[in-house]
N, C-alpha and C. Protein backbone atom coordinates (compact mmCIF):
# COMPACT_ATOMS: atom_id res chain seq x y z
N MET A 1 44.57 -161.70 63.85
CA MET A 1 46.20 -162.61 63.64
C MET A 1 46.72 -162.15 64.94
N HIS A 2 47.69 -162.76 65.12
CA HIS A 2 48.50 -162.62 66.27
C HIS A 2 49.65 -162.09 65.64
N ALA A 3 50.44 -161.27 66.82
CA ALA A 3 51.69 -160.57 66.33
C ALA A 3 52.92 -161.41 66.05
N THR A 4 53.05 -162.55 66.72
CA THR A 4 54.05 -163.59 66.36
C THR A 4 53.42 -164.45 65.26
N ALA A 5 52.86 -164.10 64.43
CA ALA A 5 52.22 -165.10 63.29
C ALA A 5 52.88 -164.69 61.84
N SER A 6 53.68 -165.49 61.29
CA SER A 6 54.46 -165.03 60.14
C SER A 6 53.44 -164.99 59.02
N VAL A 7 53.66 -164.15 58.14
CA VAL A 7 52.96 -164.14 56.88
C VAL A 7 52.59 -165.16 56.19
N ASP A 8 53.42 -166.39 56.25
CA ASP A 8 53.12 -167.47 55.40
C ASP A 8 52.51 -168.40 56.30
N ASP A 9 52.05 -168.31 57.57
CA ASP A 9 51.00 -169.25 58.22
C ASP A 9 49.92 -169.09 57.97
N LEU A 10 48.88 -170.06 58.34
CA LEU A 10 47.22 -170.26 57.88
C LEU A 10 46.73 -169.29 58.54
N LEU A 11 45.81 -168.68 58.10
CA LEU A 11 44.94 -167.86 58.93
C LEU A 11 44.08 -168.47 59.92
N ASP A 12 43.84 -168.24 61.02
CA ASP A 12 43.34 -168.87 62.34
C ASP A 12 41.78 -168.78 62.44
N GLU A 13 41.16 -169.62 62.63
CA GLU A 13 39.71 -169.42 62.85
C GLU A 13 39.03 -168.06 62.92
N ARG A 14 39.55 -167.82 63.79
CA ARG A 14 38.97 -166.21 64.48
C ARG A 14 39.17 -165.11 63.41
N SER A 15 40.32 -165.03 63.07
CA SER A 15 40.91 -164.24 62.01
C SER A 15 40.08 -164.63 60.55
N LEU A 16 39.94 -165.31 60.14
CA LEU A 16 39.40 -166.06 58.89
C LEU A 16 37.70 -165.38 59.08
N SER A 17 37.11 -165.90 60.42
CA SER A 17 35.75 -165.22 60.85
C SER A 17 35.25 -163.73 60.48
N LYS A 18 36.46 -162.88 61.09
CA LYS A 18 36.56 -161.28 60.96
C LYS A 18 36.89 -161.19 59.55
N LEU A 19 37.49 -161.75 58.85
CA LEU A 19 38.15 -161.12 57.44
C LEU A 19 36.90 -161.58 56.78
N ARG A 20 36.12 -162.80 56.73
CA ARG A 20 34.93 -162.74 55.82
C ARG A 20 33.67 -161.87 56.19
N TRP A 21 33.62 -161.35 57.46
CA TRP A 21 32.81 -160.04 57.57
C TRP A 21 33.03 -159.31 56.97
N ARG A 22 34.24 -159.05 57.23
CA ARG A 22 34.75 -157.63 56.52
C ARG A 22 34.56 -157.41 54.76
N CYS A 23 34.72 -158.86 54.43
CA CYS A 23 34.36 -158.77 52.93
C CYS A 23 32.96 -158.80 52.24
N ARG A 24 32.00 -158.53 53.22
CA ARG A 24 30.67 -158.13 52.58
C ARG A 24 30.62 -157.12 51.86
N ARG A 25 29.94 -157.46 50.65
CA ARG A 25 29.91 -156.22 49.90
C ARG A 25 28.69 -155.85 49.83
N GLY A 26 28.29 -154.54 49.05
CA GLY A 26 27.06 -154.09 48.42
C GLY A 26 26.74 -154.36 47.23
N LEU A 27 27.32 -154.59 46.67
CA LEU A 27 27.18 -155.11 45.06
C LEU A 27 26.91 -157.17 45.29
N LEU A 28 25.96 -157.27 44.81
CA LEU A 28 25.79 -158.87 44.58
C LEU A 28 27.21 -159.44 43.46
N GLU A 29 27.20 -158.78 42.50
CA GLU A 29 28.75 -159.42 41.84
C GLU A 29 29.86 -159.66 42.72
N ASN A 30 30.13 -158.81 43.31
CA ASN A 30 31.52 -158.79 44.11
C ASN A 30 31.32 -159.89 45.42
N ASP A 31 29.82 -159.83 45.68
CA ASP A 31 29.83 -160.72 47.04
C ASP A 31 29.55 -162.11 46.08
N LEU A 32 29.64 -162.27 44.91
CA LEU A 32 29.53 -163.66 44.58
C LEU A 32 31.17 -163.98 44.04
N PHE A 33 31.77 -163.13 43.49
CA PHE A 33 33.18 -163.74 43.73
C PHE A 33 33.67 -163.95 45.14
N ILE A 34 33.71 -163.16 46.08
CA ILE A 34 33.97 -163.75 47.22
C ILE A 34 33.65 -164.71 47.92
N GLU A 35 32.43 -164.80 47.89
CA GLU A 35 31.61 -166.32 48.31
C GLU A 35 32.56 -167.50 47.92
N ARG A 36 33.04 -167.51 46.50
CA ARG A 36 33.41 -168.46 45.58
C ARG A 36 34.90 -168.57 45.85
N PHE A 37 35.43 -167.45 46.59
CA PHE A 37 36.83 -167.52 46.89
C PHE A 37 36.82 -168.41 47.96
N PHE A 38 35.85 -167.96 48.98
CA PHE A 38 36.09 -168.51 50.34
C PHE A 38 35.68 -169.71 49.90
N ALA A 39 35.09 -170.10 49.51
CA ALA A 39 34.37 -171.65 49.29
C ALA A 39 35.88 -172.60 49.10
N ARG A 40 36.58 -172.23 48.33
CA ARG A 40 37.69 -172.83 47.52
C ARG A 40 39.06 -172.75 48.54
N HIS A 41 39.38 -171.20 49.15
CA HIS A 41 40.47 -171.18 49.49
C HIS A 41 40.78 -171.25 51.29
N ALA A 42 39.33 -171.06 51.92
CA ALA A 42 39.58 -170.60 52.93
C ALA A 42 40.25 -171.12 53.98
N ALA A 43 40.35 -172.67 53.69
CA ALA A 43 41.16 -173.52 54.50
C ALA A 43 42.45 -173.58 54.31
N ARG A 44 42.86 -172.82 53.33
CA ARG A 44 44.59 -172.44 52.77
C ARG A 44 44.94 -170.92 53.00
N LEU A 45 43.96 -170.26 53.40
CA LEU A 45 44.48 -168.80 53.25
C LEU A 45 45.62 -168.28 54.09
N THR A 46 46.57 -168.02 53.86
CA THR A 46 47.37 -167.27 54.73
C THR A 46 47.18 -165.91 55.11
N VAL A 47 47.91 -165.84 56.06
CA VAL A 47 48.15 -164.29 56.86
C VAL A 47 48.63 -163.03 55.83
N ARG A 48 49.40 -163.29 54.51
CA ARG A 48 49.71 -162.65 53.49
C ARG A 48 48.37 -162.26 52.80
N GLN A 49 48.07 -163.22 52.50
CA GLN A 49 46.55 -163.20 51.45
C GLN A 49 45.55 -162.57 52.12
N ALA A 50 45.22 -162.84 53.49
CA ALA A 50 44.52 -161.70 53.98
C ALA A 50 44.49 -160.47 53.96
N ASP A 51 45.99 -160.22 53.94
CA ASP A 51 46.15 -159.10 54.28
C ASP A 51 45.79 -158.22 52.75
N ALA A 52 46.30 -159.24 51.79
CA ALA A 52 46.05 -158.63 50.29
C ALA A 52 44.56 -158.34 50.34
N LEU A 53 43.75 -159.37 50.50
CA LEU A 53 42.48 -159.13 50.34
C LEU A 53 42.01 -157.98 51.25
N GLY A 54 42.50 -157.86 52.64
CA GLY A 54 41.81 -156.51 53.11
C GLY A 54 42.26 -155.29 52.68
N GLN A 55 43.44 -155.38 52.01
CA GLN A 55 43.57 -153.99 50.93
C GLN A 55 42.37 -153.97 49.91
N LEU A 56 41.97 -155.07 49.27
CA LEU A 56 41.19 -154.66 48.40
C LEU A 56 39.78 -154.54 48.77
N MET A 57 39.49 -154.48 49.88
CA MET A 57 38.04 -154.81 50.49
C MET A 57 38.17 -152.88 50.93
N GLU A 58 38.88 -152.29 51.07
CA GLU A 58 39.13 -150.98 51.13
C GLU A 58 38.68 -150.32 50.07
N LEU A 59 38.36 -150.54 48.87
CA LEU A 59 38.15 -150.00 47.31
C LEU A 59 36.60 -149.95 47.80
N SER A 60 36.14 -149.07 46.57
CA SER A 60 34.73 -148.81 46.43
C SER A 60 34.29 -150.53 45.59
N ASP A 61 32.86 -150.27 45.73
CA ASP A 61 32.32 -151.87 45.35
C ASP A 61 32.70 -151.24 43.57
N ASN A 62 32.26 -150.41 43.21
CA ASN A 62 32.62 -150.28 41.69
C ASN A 62 34.28 -150.22 41.54
N ASP A 63 35.06 -150.02 42.23
CA ASP A 63 36.44 -149.76 41.66
C ASP A 63 36.92 -151.78 42.15
N LEU A 64 36.36 -152.17 43.21
CA LEU A 64 36.70 -153.97 43.09
C LEU A 64 36.23 -154.57 42.25
N LEU A 65 35.01 -154.39 41.61
CA LEU A 65 34.53 -154.60 40.10
C LEU A 65 35.38 -154.73 39.16
N ASP A 66 36.16 -153.26 39.06
CA ASP A 66 36.42 -153.27 38.13
C ASP A 66 37.60 -153.93 37.76
N LEU A 67 38.68 -154.11 39.11
CA LEU A 67 39.56 -155.09 39.27
C LEU A 67 39.32 -156.62 39.00
N LEU A 68 38.12 -156.92 39.70
CA LEU A 68 37.79 -158.35 39.64
C LEU A 68 37.40 -158.82 38.11
N LEU A 69 36.75 -158.00 37.18
CA LEU A 69 36.70 -158.44 35.88
C LEU A 69 37.64 -158.12 35.18
N GLY A 70 39.07 -157.21 35.76
CA GLY A 70 39.99 -157.36 34.83
C GLY A 70 39.83 -155.79 33.81
N ARG A 71 38.73 -154.94 34.29
CA ARG A 71 38.45 -153.56 33.34
C ARG A 71 40.11 -152.85 33.70
N LYS A 72 40.61 -152.96 34.67
CA LYS A 72 41.92 -152.08 35.18
C LYS A 72 42.43 -152.97 35.87
N PRO A 73 43.77 -152.58 35.80
CA PRO A 73 45.00 -153.51 36.78
C PRO A 73 45.04 -152.47 38.06
N PRO A 74 45.33 -153.59 39.16
CA PRO A 74 45.76 -152.72 40.40
C PRO A 74 46.77 -151.63 40.04
N GLU A 75 46.77 -150.60 41.03
CA GLU A 75 47.58 -149.41 40.83
C GLU A 75 48.02 -148.81 42.04
N GLY A 76 48.98 -148.29 42.18
CA GLY A 76 49.38 -147.56 43.82
C GLY A 76 49.74 -148.57 44.48
N ALA A 77 49.09 -148.13 45.88
CA ALA A 77 49.41 -149.43 47.33
C ALA A 77 49.09 -150.41 46.89
N LEU A 78 48.28 -150.84 45.98
CA LEU A 78 47.45 -152.28 45.32
C LEU A 78 48.34 -152.99 44.31
N ASP A 79 49.57 -152.24 43.69
CA ASP A 79 50.23 -152.67 42.84
C ASP A 79 51.16 -153.89 43.36
N ARG A 80 51.31 -154.90 43.96
CA ARG A 80 51.62 -155.77 44.79
C ARG A 80 51.86 -157.20 44.42
N ASP A 81 52.68 -158.05 44.67
CA ASP A 81 52.74 -159.40 44.28
C ASP A 81 51.37 -160.14 44.65
N ASP A 82 51.30 -159.52 46.07
CA ASP A 82 50.19 -160.37 47.02
C ASP A 82 48.74 -160.17 46.61
N VAL A 83 48.73 -158.90 46.32
CA VAL A 83 47.61 -158.33 45.82
C VAL A 83 47.17 -159.04 44.40
N THR A 84 48.26 -159.34 43.54
CA THR A 84 48.14 -159.87 42.26
C THR A 84 47.89 -161.39 42.15
N GLN A 85 47.99 -161.71 43.24
CA GLN A 85 48.07 -163.56 43.48
C GLN A 85 46.47 -163.64 43.92
N VAL A 86 45.96 -162.70 44.89
CA VAL A 86 44.79 -162.79 45.94
C VAL A 86 43.44 -162.31 44.25
N LEU A 87 44.00 -161.74 43.88
CA LEU A 87 42.90 -161.16 42.35
C LEU A 87 43.05 -162.22 41.59
N ALA A 88 43.94 -163.01 41.22
CA ALA A 88 43.84 -163.92 40.56
C ALA A 88 43.02 -165.42 40.77
N LEU A 89 43.32 -165.61 42.12
CA LEU A 89 42.26 -166.43 42.84
C LEU A 89 40.73 -166.41 42.91
N LEU A 90 40.73 -165.17 43.07
CA LEU A 90 39.38 -164.04 43.07
C LEU A 90 38.93 -164.35 41.82
N ARG A 91 39.45 -164.15 40.63
CA ARG A 91 38.89 -164.21 39.34
C ARG A 91 38.70 -165.42 38.79
N ALA A 92 39.75 -166.65 39.26
CA ALA A 92 39.43 -167.70 38.92
C ALA A 92 38.25 -168.44 39.21
N ALA A 93 37.70 -168.11 40.41
CA ALA A 93 36.55 -168.32 41.59
C ALA A 93 35.40 -167.95 39.99
N ARG A 94 35.84 -167.26 39.20
CA ARG A 94 34.41 -166.90 39.06
C ARG A 94 34.08 -167.52 37.42
N PHE A 95 35.19 -168.30 36.92
CA PHE A 95 35.07 -168.86 36.12
C PHE A 95 34.85 -171.08 35.89
N THR A 96 35.75 -171.30 37.39
CA THR A 96 35.35 -172.76 37.71
C THR A 96 34.29 -173.10 38.17
N PRO A 97 33.36 -173.77 38.05
CA PRO A 97 32.31 -174.20 38.99
C PRO A 97 33.14 -175.13 40.21
N SER A 98 32.46 -174.47 41.18
CA SER A 98 32.90 -175.28 42.74
C SER A 98 32.25 -176.80 42.46
N PRO A 99 32.84 -177.52 43.45
CA PRO A 99 32.36 -179.10 43.40
C PRO A 99 31.13 -178.86 43.76
N GLU A 100 30.21 -177.86 44.47
CA GLU A 100 28.92 -178.18 44.53
C GLU A 100 28.32 -177.82 43.44
N GLU A 101 28.47 -176.96 42.43
CA GLU A 101 27.78 -176.60 41.59
C GLU A 101 28.12 -178.00 40.41
N SER A 102 29.00 -178.51 40.24
CA SER A 102 28.97 -179.52 39.22
C SER A 102 28.71 -180.81 39.50
N ALA A 103 28.07 -180.58 40.68
CA ALA A 103 27.51 -182.21 41.05
C ALA A 103 26.10 -182.44 40.70
């Protein structure tokens, strides 16, 4: 991400590629959420959303899965509107079939 980018700007291709790499997880369940999220939202991902997703990637796999499944709410530094929005997008990817899956 460039220093001149606004938080509401779309993420550039290089930053998106780095974020995808950073989002690789050890638990298959987390990877499934994240893969579907990128399939649906990568083209519209903003710098702010990428930052929120990056914050979530700092968590352990089990803590991330608890958030994705709604077992616990975001707390502390993660209790922010942008993180909550990204979590909602990640969770929605779990329940809605992608265009490829529904064909």
